[in-house]
Amino acid sequence: MQHNNIFIRFIRSLLNIASKIITFTIHHAFEALIGPLIVIGSILCIMFIEPWPVKFVSIGVWLVFLYFLSKVIDKITGRDKRDN
């Protein structure tokens, strides 16, 4: 019985480490991509959306989408609780 308990604690610690590594990777990968996403998304909005007033609205919608996406990524990775 004692060996079973040690094995279960070992597996739990491995799963805890793996979840921390995955959340760290997701959070920092998104942080690295946010700059290019802002630039490329804005350029694509200017290139493909017509007429001119709608281009500015679409850029605003793109930036709001990225803001909420970053909040969702923070909530998934648990970073929102650490920053408060």
PDB file of N, CA and C in Angstrom:
ATOM      1  N   MET A   1       0.818  -1.194   0.000  1.00  0.00           N
ATOM      2  CA  MET A   1       0.000   0.000   0.000  1.00  0.00           C
ATOM      3  C   MET A   1       0.863   1.260   0.000  1.00  0.00           C
ATOM      4  N   GLN A   2       1.948   1.237   0.736  1.00  0.00           N
ATOM      5  CA  GLN A   2       2.832   2.408   0.815  1.00  0.00           C
ATOM      6  C   GLN A   2       3.468   2.702  -0.540  1.00  0.00           C
ATOM      7  N   HIS A   3       3.837   1.668  -1.289  1.00  0.00           N
ATOM      8  CA  HIS A   3       4.452   1.870  -2.597  1.00  0.00           C
ATOM      9  C   HIS A   3       3.463   2.495  -3.576  1.00  0.00           C
ATOM     10  N   ASN A   4       2.219   2.139  -3.460  1.00  0.00           N
ATOM     11  CA  ASN A   4       1.178   2.704  -4.304  1.00  0.00           C
ATOM     12  C   ASN A   4       1.035   4.205  -4.061  1.00  0.00           C
ATOM     13  N   ASN A   5       1.064   4.631  -2.814  1.00  0.00           N
ATOM     14  CA  ASN A   5       0.925   6.030  -2.451  1.00  0.00           C
ATOM     15  C   ASN A   5       2.102   6.858  -2.978  1.00  0.00           C
ATOM     16  N   ILE A   6       3.305   6.309  -2.892  1.00  0.00           N
ATOM     17  CA  ILE A   6       4.484   7.012  -3.398  1.00  0.00           C
ATOM     18  C   ILE A   6       4.395   7.155  -4.916  1.00  0.00           C
ATOM     19  N   PHE A   7       3.945   6.113  -5.583  1.00  0.00           N
ATOM     20  CA  PHE A   7       3.803   6.143  -7.037  1.00  0.00           C
ATOM     21  C   PHE A   7       2.776   7.186  -7.464  1.00  0.00           C
ATOM     22  N   ILE A   8       1.666   7.258  -6.759  1.00  0.00           N
ATOM     23  CA  ILE A   8       0.626   8.232  -7.094  1.00  0.00           C
ATOM     24  C   ILE A   8       1.136   9.654  -6.873  1.00  0.00           C
ATOM     25  N   ARG A   9       1.861   9.910  -5.791  1.00  0.00           N
ATOM     26  CA  ARG A   9       2.420  11.243  -5.550  1.00  0.00           C
ATOM     27  C   ARG A   9       3.446  11.603  -6.620  1.00  0.00           C
ATOM     28  N   PHE A  10       4.219  10.628  -7.057  1.00  0.00           N
ATOM     29  CA  PHE A  10       5.205  10.864  -8.112  1.00  0.00           C
ATOM     30  C   PHE A  10       4.513  11.244  -9.420  1.00  0.00           C
ATOM     31  N   ILE A  11       3.458  10.525  -9.780  1.00  0.00           N
ATOM     32  CA  ILE A  11       2.706  10.828 -11.003  1.00  0.00           C
ATOM     33  C   ILE A  11       2.066  12.214 -10.901  1.00  0.00           C
ATOM     34  N   ARG A  12       1.504  12.556  -9.751  1.00  0.00           N
ATOM     35  CA  ARG A  12       0.906  13.885  -9.569  1.00  0.00           C
ATOM     36  C   ARG A  12       1.944  14.983  -9.709  1.00  0.00           C
ATOM     37  N   SER A  13       3.135  14.769  -9.179  1.00  0.00           N
ATOM     38  CA  SER A  13       4.176  15.793  -9.303  1.00  0.00           C
ATOM     39  C   SER A  13       4.624  15.936 -10.753  1.00  0.00           C
ATOM     40  N   LEU A  14       4.703  14.823 -11.489  1.00  0.00           N
ATOM     41  CA  LEU A  14       5.044  14.901 -12.916  1.00  0.00           C
ATOM     42  C   LEU A  14       3.978  15.648 -13.705  1.00  0.00           C
ATOM     43  N   LEU A  15       2.708  15.388 -13.409  1.00  0.00           N
ATOM     44  CA  LEU A  15       1.623  16.092 -14.096  1.00  0.00           C
ATOM     45  C   LEU A  15       1.620  17.576 -13.759  1.00  0.00           C
ATOM     46  N   ASN A  16       1.934  17.917 -12.530  1.00  0.00           N
ATOM     47  CA  ASN A  16       2.015  19.322 -12.119  1.00  0.00           C
ATOM     48  C   ASN A  16       3.137  20.030 -12.871  1.00  0.00           C
ATOM     49  N   ILE A  17       4.291  19.393 -12.974  1.00  0.00           N
ATOM     50  CA  ILE A  17       5.416  19.982 -13.707  1.00  0.00           C
ATOM     51  C   ILE A  17       5.067  20.140 -15.178  1.00  0.00           C
ATOM     52  N   ALA A  18       4.436  19.125 -15.768  1.00  0.00           N
ATOM     53  CA  ALA A  18       4.065  19.193 -17.184  1.00  0.00           C
ATOM     54  C   ALA A  18       3.059  20.307 -17.433  1.00  0.00           C
ATOM     55  N   SER A  19       2.094  20.500 -16.533  1.00  0.00           N
ATOM     56  CA  SER A  19       1.119  21.573 -16.741  1.00  0.00           C
ATOM     57  C   SER A  19       1.772  22.943 -16.619  1.00  0.00           C
ATOM     58  N   LYS A  20       2.723  23.099 -15.715  1.00  0.00           N
ATOM     59  CA  LYS A  20       3.427  24.382 -15.608  1.00  0.00           C
ATOM     60  C   LYS A  20       4.257  24.672 -16.854  1.00  0.00           C
ATOM     61  N   ILE A  21       4.900  23.657 -17.404  1.00  0.00           N
ATOM     62  CA  ILE A  21       5.694  23.842 -18.624  1.00  0.00           C
ATOM     63  C   ILE A  21       4.795  24.222 -19.794  1.00  0.00           C
ATOM     64  N   ILE A  22       3.653  23.569 -19.915  1.00  0.00           N
ATOM     65  CA  ILE A  22       2.737  23.853 -21.026  1.00  0.00           C
ATOM     66  C   ILE A  22       2.164  25.262 -20.913  1.00  0.00           C
ATOM     67  N   THR A  23       1.734  25.665 -19.725  1.00  0.00           N
ATOM     68  CA  THR A  23       1.179  27.013 -19.580  1.00  0.00           C
ATOM     69  C   THR A  23       2.247  28.071 -19.798  1.00  0.00           C
ATOM     70  N   PHE A  24       3.463  27.823 -19.346  1.00  0.00           N
ATOM     71  CA  PHE A  24       4.570  28.757 -19.581  1.00  0.00           C
ATOM     72  C   PHE A  24       4.822  28.916 -21.081  1.00  0.00           C
ATOM     73  N   THR A  25       4.833  27.801 -21.799  1.00  0.00           N
ATOM     74  CA  THR A  25       5.092  27.832 -23.236  1.00  0.00           C
ATOM     75  C   THR A  25       3.987  28.561 -23.987  1.00  0.00           C
ATOM     76  N   ILE A  26       2.733  28.276 -23.655  1.00  0.00           N
ATOM     77  CA  ILE A  26       1.614  28.942 -24.330  1.00  0.00           C
ATOM     78  C   ILE A  26       1.645  30.443 -24.081  1.00  0.00           C
ATOM     79  N   HIS A  27       1.867  30.835 -22.836  1.00  0.00           N
ATOM     80  CA  HIS A  27       1.857  32.256 -22.496  1.00  0.00           C
ATOM     81  C   HIS A  27       2.974  33.012 -23.219  1.00  0.00           C
ATOM     82  N   HIS A  28       4.174  32.492 -23.193  1.00  0.00           N
ATOM     83  CA  HIS A  28       5.288  33.209 -23.795  1.00  0.00           C
ATOM     84  C   HIS A  28       5.290  33.122 -25.318  1.00  0.00           C
ATOM     85  N   ALA A  29       4.736  32.063 -25.871  1.00  0.00           N
ATOM     86  CA  ALA A  29       4.599  31.999 -27.325  1.00  0.00           C
ATOM     87  C   ALA A  29       3.617  33.061 -27.801  1.00  0.00           C
ATOM     88  N   PHE A  30       2.517  33.248 -27.083  1.00  0.00           N
ATOM     89  CA  PHE A  30       1.564  34.287 -27.468  1.00  0.00           C
ATOM     90  C   PHE A  30       2.160  35.675 -27.284  1.00  0.00           C
ATOM     91  N   GLU A  31       2.934  35.877 -26.211  1.00  0.00           N
ATOM     92  CA  GLU A  31       3.581  37.172 -26.025  1.00  0.00           C
ATOM     93  C   GLU A  31       4.539  37.483 -27.161  1.00  0.00           C
ATOM     94  N   ALA A  32       5.219  36.470 -27.680  1.00  0.00           N
ATOM     95  CA  ALA A  32       6.146  36.676 -28.792  1.00  0.00           C
ATOM     96  C   ALA A  32       5.401  36.953 -30.094  1.00  0.00           C
ATOM     97  N   LEU A  33       4.191  36.445 -30.231  1.00  0.00           N
ATOM     98  CA  LEU A  33       3.438  36.609 -31.474  1.00  0.00           C
ATOM     99  C   LEU A  33       2.532  37.826 -31.498  1.00  0.00           C
ATOM    100  N   ILE A  34       2.298  38.469 -30.368  1.00  0.00           N
ATOM    101  CA  ILE A  34       1.319  39.556 -30.327  1.00  0.00           C
ATOM    102  C   ILE A  34       1.756  40.750 -31.188  1.00  0.00           C
ATOM    103  N   GLY A  35       3.031  41.082 -31.188  1.00  0.00           N
ATOM    104  CA  GLY A  35       3.517  42.201 -32.007  1.00  0.00           C
ATOM    105  C   GLY A  35       3.309  41.970 -33.495  1.00  0.00           C
ATOM    106  N   PRO A  36       3.805  40.842 -34.037  1.00  0.00           N
ATOM    107  CA  PRO A  36       3.556  40.579 -35.456  1.00  0.00           C
ATOM    108  C   PRO A  36       2.074  40.447 -35.805  1.00  0.00           C
ATOM    109  N   LEU A  37       1.267  39.918 -34.890  1.00  0.00           N
ATOM    110  CA  LEU A  37      -0.168  39.821 -35.167  1.00  0.00           C
ATOM    111  C   LEU A  37      -0.806  41.205 -35.295  1.00  0.00           C
ATOM    112  N   ILE A  38      -0.370  42.145 -34.469  1.00  0.00           N
ATOM    113  CA  ILE A  38      -0.908  43.508 -34.567  1.00  0.00           C
ATOM    114  C   ILE A  38      -0.538  44.127 -35.902  1.00  0.00           C
ATOM    115  N   VAL A  39       0.725  44.021 -36.290  1.00  0.00           N
ATOM    116  CA  VAL A  39       1.195  44.651 -37.527  1.00  0.00           C
ATOM    117  C   VAL A  39       0.592  43.975 -38.754  1.00  0.00           C
ATOM    118  N   ILE A  40       0.698  42.668 -38.840  1.00  0.00           N
ATOM    119  CA  ILE A  40       0.213  41.951 -40.026  1.00  0.00           C
ATOM    120  C   ILE A  40      -1.306  42.059 -40.141  1.00  0.00           C
ATOM    121  N   GLY A  41      -2.020  41.953 -39.021  1.00  0.00           N
ATOM    122  CA  GLY A  41      -3.475  42.076 -39.067  1.00  0.00           C
ATOM    123  C   GLY A  41      -3.924  43.451 -39.523  1.00  0.00           C
ATOM    124  N   SER A  42      -3.248  44.481 -39.057  1.00  0.00           N
ATOM    125  CA  SER A  42      -3.607  45.843 -39.491  1.00  0.00           C
ATOM    126  C   SER A  42      -3.322  46.048 -40.963  1.00  0.00           C
ATOM    127  N   ILE A  43      -2.194  45.540 -41.441  1.00  0.00           N
ATOM    128  CA  ILE A  43      -1.868  45.659 -42.871  1.00  0.00           C
ATOM    129  C   ILE A  43      -2.889  44.912 -43.717  1.00  0.00           C
ATOM    130  N   LEU A  44      -3.277  43.726 -43.278  1.00  0.00           N
ATOM    131  CA  LEU A  44      -4.282  42.963 -44.035  1.00  0.00           C
ATOM    132  C   LEU A  44      -5.640  43.656 -44.039  1.00  0.00           C
ATOM    133  N   CYS A  45      -5.996  44.305 -42.935  1.00  0.00           N
ATOM    134  CA  CYS A  45      -7.252  45.060 -42.900  1.00  0.00           C
ATOM    135  C   CYS A  45      -7.216  46.202 -43.907  1.00  0.00           C
ATOM    136  N   ILE A  46      -6.085  46.878 -44.013  1.00  0.00           N
ATOM    137  CA  ILE A  46      -5.958  47.994 -44.963  1.00  0.00           C
ATOM    138  C   ILE A  46      -5.978  47.473 -46.396  1.00  0.00           C
ATOM    139  N   MET A  47      -5.347  46.332 -46.645  1.00  0.00           N
ATOM    140  CA  MET A  47      -5.249  45.811 -48.008  1.00  0.00           C
ATOM    141  C   MET A  47      -6.570  45.269 -48.549  1.00  0.00           C
ATOM    142  N   PHE A  48      -7.324  44.543 -47.731  1.00  0.00           N
ATOM    143  CA  PHE A  48      -8.419  43.758 -48.279  1.00  0.00           C
ATOM    144  C   PHE A  48      -9.823  44.279 -47.988  1.00  0.00           C
ATOM    145  N   ILE A  49      -9.972  45.196 -47.073  1.00  0.00           N
ATOM    146  CA  ILE A  49     -11.319  45.629 -46.712  1.00  0.00           C
ATOM    147  C   ILE A  49     -11.614  46.972 -47.374  1.00  0.00           C
ATOM    148  N   GLU A  50     -12.777  47.068 -47.961  1.00  0.00           N
ATOM    149  CA  GLU A  50     -13.228  48.280 -48.640  1.00  0.00           C
ATOM    150  C   GLU A  50     -14.562  48.697 -48.049  1.00  0.00           C
ATOM    151  N   PRO A  51     -14.972  49.889 -48.093  1.00  0.00           N
ATOM    152  CA  PRO A  51     -14.364  51.190 -48.378  1.00  0.00           C
ATOM    153  C   PRO A  51     -13.514  51.687 -47.212  1.00  0.00           C
ATOM    154  N   TRP A  52     -12.959  52.873 -47.379  1.00  0.00           N
ATOM    155  CA  TRP A  52     -11.997  53.397 -46.413  1.00  0.00           C
ATOM    156  C   TRP A  52     -12.502  53.483 -44.976  1.00  0.00           C
ATOM    157  N   PRO A  53     -13.676  53.988 -44.701  1.00  0.00           N
ATOM    158  CA  PRO A  53     -14.084  54.058 -43.281  1.00  0.00           C
ATOM    159  C   PRO A  53     -14.160  52.690 -42.606  1.00  0.00           C
ATOM    160  N   VAL A  54     -14.499  51.673 -43.368  1.00  0.00           N
ATOM    161  CA  VAL A  54     -14.601  50.337 -42.797  1.00  0.00           C
ATOM    162  C   VAL A  54     -13.212  49.789 -42.457  1.00  0.00           C
ATOM    163  N   LYS A  55     -12.186  50.263 -43.155  1.00  0.00           N
ATOM    164  CA  LYS A  55     -10.822  49.827 -42.860  1.00  0.00           C
ATOM    165  C   LYS A  55     -10.439  50.198 -41.426  1.00  0.00           C
ATOM    166  N   PHE A  56     -10.762  51.408 -41.025  1.00  0.00           N
ATOM    167  CA  PHE A  56     -10.408  51.854 -39.674  1.00  0.00           C
ATOM    168  C   PHE A  56     -11.216  51.101 -38.611  1.00  0.00           C
ATOM    169  N   VAL A  57     -12.471  50.828 -38.915  1.00  0.00           N
ATOM    170  CA  VAL A  57     -13.305  50.055 -37.986  1.00  0.00           C
ATOM    171  C   VAL A  57     -12.755  48.638 -37.864  1.00  0.00           C
ATOM    172  N   SER A  58     -12.347  48.055 -38.978  1.00  0.00           N
ATOM    173  CA  SER A  58     -11.836  46.677 -38.937  1.00  0.00           C
ATOM    174  C   SER A  58     -10.517  46.603 -38.171  1.00  0.00           C
ATOM    175  N   ILE A  59      -9.672  47.617 -38.270  1.00  0.00           N
ATOM    176  CA  ILE A  59      -8.435  47.650 -37.489  1.00  0.00           C
ATOM    177  C   ILE A  59      -8.771  47.715 -36.001  1.00  0.00           C
ATOM    178  N   GLY A  60      -9.750  48.522 -35.643  1.00  0.00           N
ATOM    179  CA  GLY A  60     -10.177  48.603 -34.248  1.00  0.00           C
ATOM    180  C   GLY A  60     -10.729  47.284 -33.748  1.00  0.00           C
ATOM    181  N   VAL A  61     -11.532  46.623 -34.574  1.00  0.00           N
ATOM    182  CA  VAL A  61     -12.094  45.319 -34.191  1.00  0.00           C
ATOM    183  C   VAL A  61     -10.963  44.298 -34.031  1.00  0.00           C
ATOM    184  N   TRP A  62      -9.965  44.346 -34.910  1.00  0.00           N
ATOM    185  CA  TRP A  62      -8.827  43.430 -34.819  1.00  0.00           C
ATOM    186  C   TRP A  62      -8.061  43.643 -33.510  1.00  0.00           C
ATOM    187  N   LEU A  63      -7.837  44.882 -33.138  1.00  0.00           N
ATOM    188  CA  LEU A  63      -7.107  45.170 -31.905  1.00  0.00           C
ATOM    189  C   LEU A  63      -7.910  44.754 -30.666  1.00  0.00           C
ATOM    190  N   VAL A  64      -9.221  44.967 -30.693  1.00  0.00           N
ATOM    191  CA  VAL A  64     -10.062  44.529 -29.580  1.00  0.00           C
ATOM    192  C   VAL A  64     -10.063  43.004 -29.491  1.00  0.00           C
ATOM    193  N   PHE A  65     -10.112  42.337 -30.638  1.00  0.00           N
ATOM    194  CA  PHE A  65     -10.048  40.876 -30.652  1.00  0.00           C
ATOM    195  C   PHE A  65      -8.743  40.378 -30.030  1.00  0.00           C
ATOM    196  N   LEU A  66      -7.624  41.000 -30.389  1.00  0.00           N
ATOM    197  CA  LEU A  66      -6.338  40.591 -29.812  1.00  0.00           C
ATOM    198  C   LEU A  66      -6.286  40.860 -28.315  1.00  0.00           C
ATOM    199  N   TYR A  67      -6.908  41.953 -27.873  1.00  0.00           N
ATOM    200  CA  TYR A  67      -6.946  42.246 -26.445  1.00  0.00           C
ATOM    201  C   TYR A  67      -7.700  41.154 -25.688  1.00  0.00           C
ATOM    202  N   PHE A  68      -8.883  40.789 -26.193  1.00  0.00           N
ATOM    203  CA  PHE A  68      -9.657  39.752 -25.525  1.00  0.00           C
ATOM    204  C   PHE A  68      -8.996  38.382 -25.641  1.00  0.00           C
ATOM    205  N   LEU A  69      -8.310  38.139 -26.752  1.00  0.00           N
ATOM    206  CA  LEU A  69      -7.570  36.894 -26.893  1.00  0.00           C
ATOM    207  C   LEU A  69      -6.452  36.802 -25.858  1.00  0.00           C
ATOM    208  N   SER A  70      -5.776  37.910 -25.605  1.00  0.00           N
ATOM    209  CA  SER A  70      -4.721  37.897 -24.591  1.00  0.00           C
ATOM    210  C   SER A  70      -5.306  37.666 -23.201  1.00  0.00           C
ATOM    211  N   LYS A  71      -6.485  38.224 -22.933  1.00  0.00           N
ATOM    212  CA  LYS A  71      -7.138  37.978 -21.644  1.00  0.00           C
ATOM    213  C   LYS A  71      -7.544  36.513 -21.496  1.00  0.00           C
ATOM    214  N   VAL A  72      -8.019  35.887 -22.577  1.00  0.00           N
ATOM    215  CA  VAL A  72      -8.387  34.479 -22.531  1.00  0.00           C
ATOM    216  C   VAL A  72      -7.149  33.613 -22.311  1.00  0.00           C
ATOM    217  N   ILE A  73      -6.050  33.929 -23.002  1.00  0.00           N
ATOM    218  CA  ILE A  73      -4.807  33.183 -22.820  1.00  0.00           C
ATOM    219  C   ILE A  73      -4.314  33.336 -21.389  1.00  0.00           C
ATOM    220  N   ASP A  74      -4.410  34.547 -20.825  1.00  0.00           N
ATOM    221  CA  ASP A  74      -4.005  34.754 -19.427  1.00  0.00           C
ATOM    222  C   ASP A  74      -4.874  33.941 -18.469  1.00  0.00           C
ATOM    223  N   LYS A  75      -6.159  33.891 -18.749  1.00  0.00           N
ATOM    224  CA  LYS A  75      -7.059  33.133 -17.873  1.00  0.00           C
ATOM    225  C   LYS A  75      -6.776  31.634 -17.978  1.00  0.00           C
ATOM    226  N   ILE A  76      -6.505  31.138 -19.182  1.00  0.00           N
ATOM    227  CA  ILE A  76      -6.215  29.721 -19.370  1.00  0.00           C
ATOM    228  C   ILE A  76      -4.921  29.338 -18.670  1.00  0.00           C
ATOM    229  N   THR A  77      -3.904  30.177 -18.798  1.00  0.00           N
ATOM    230  CA  THR A  77      -2.599  29.853 -18.218  1.00  0.00           C
ATOM    231  C   THR A  77      -2.496  30.239 -16.756  1.00  0.00           C
ATOM    232  N   GLY A  78      -3.484  30.947 -16.223  1.00  0.00           N
ATOM    233  CA  GLY A  78      -3.459  31.326 -14.817  1.00  0.00           C
ATOM    234  C   GLY A  78      -2.632  32.559 -14.531  1.00  0.00           C
ATOM    235  N   ARG A  79      -2.248  33.306 -15.534  1.00  0.00           N
ATOM    236  CA  ARG A  79      -1.427  34.500 -15.336  1.00  0.00           C
ATOM    237  C   ARG A  79      -2.234  35.668 -14.788  1.00  0.00           C
ATOM    238  N   ASP A  80      -3.549  35.667 -15.006  1.00  0.00           N
ATOM    239  CA  ASP A  80      -4.364  36.780 -14.528  1.00  0.00           C
ATOM    240  C   ASP A  80      -4.398  36.834 -13.012  1.00  0.00           C
ATOM    241  N   LYS A  81      -4.285  35.718 -12.330  1.00  0.00           N
ATOM    242  CA  LYS A  81      -4.300  35.704 -10.872  1.00  0.00           C
ATOM    243  C   LYS A  81      -2.963  36.137 -10.290  1.00  0.00           C
ATOM    244  N   ARG A  82      -1.884  35.945 -11.020  1.00  0.00           N
ATOM    245  CA  ARG A  82      -0.553  36.296 -10.526  1.00  0.00           C
ATOM    246  C   ARG A  82      -0.253  37.773 -10.638  1.00  0.00           C
ATOM    247  N   ASP A  83      -0.870  38.439 -11.629  1.00  0.00           N
ATOM    248  CA  ASP A  83      -0.555  39.843 -11.877  1.00  0.00           C
ATOM    249  C   ASP A  83      -1.276  40.793 -10.931  1.00  0.00           C
ATOM    250  N   ASN A  84      -2.299  40.347 -10.236  1.00  0.00           N
ATOM    251  CA  ASN A  84      -3.069  41.233  -9.350  1.00  0.00           C
ATOM    252  C   ASN A  84      -2.346  41.530  -8.089  1.00  0.00           C
TER     253      ASN A  84
END
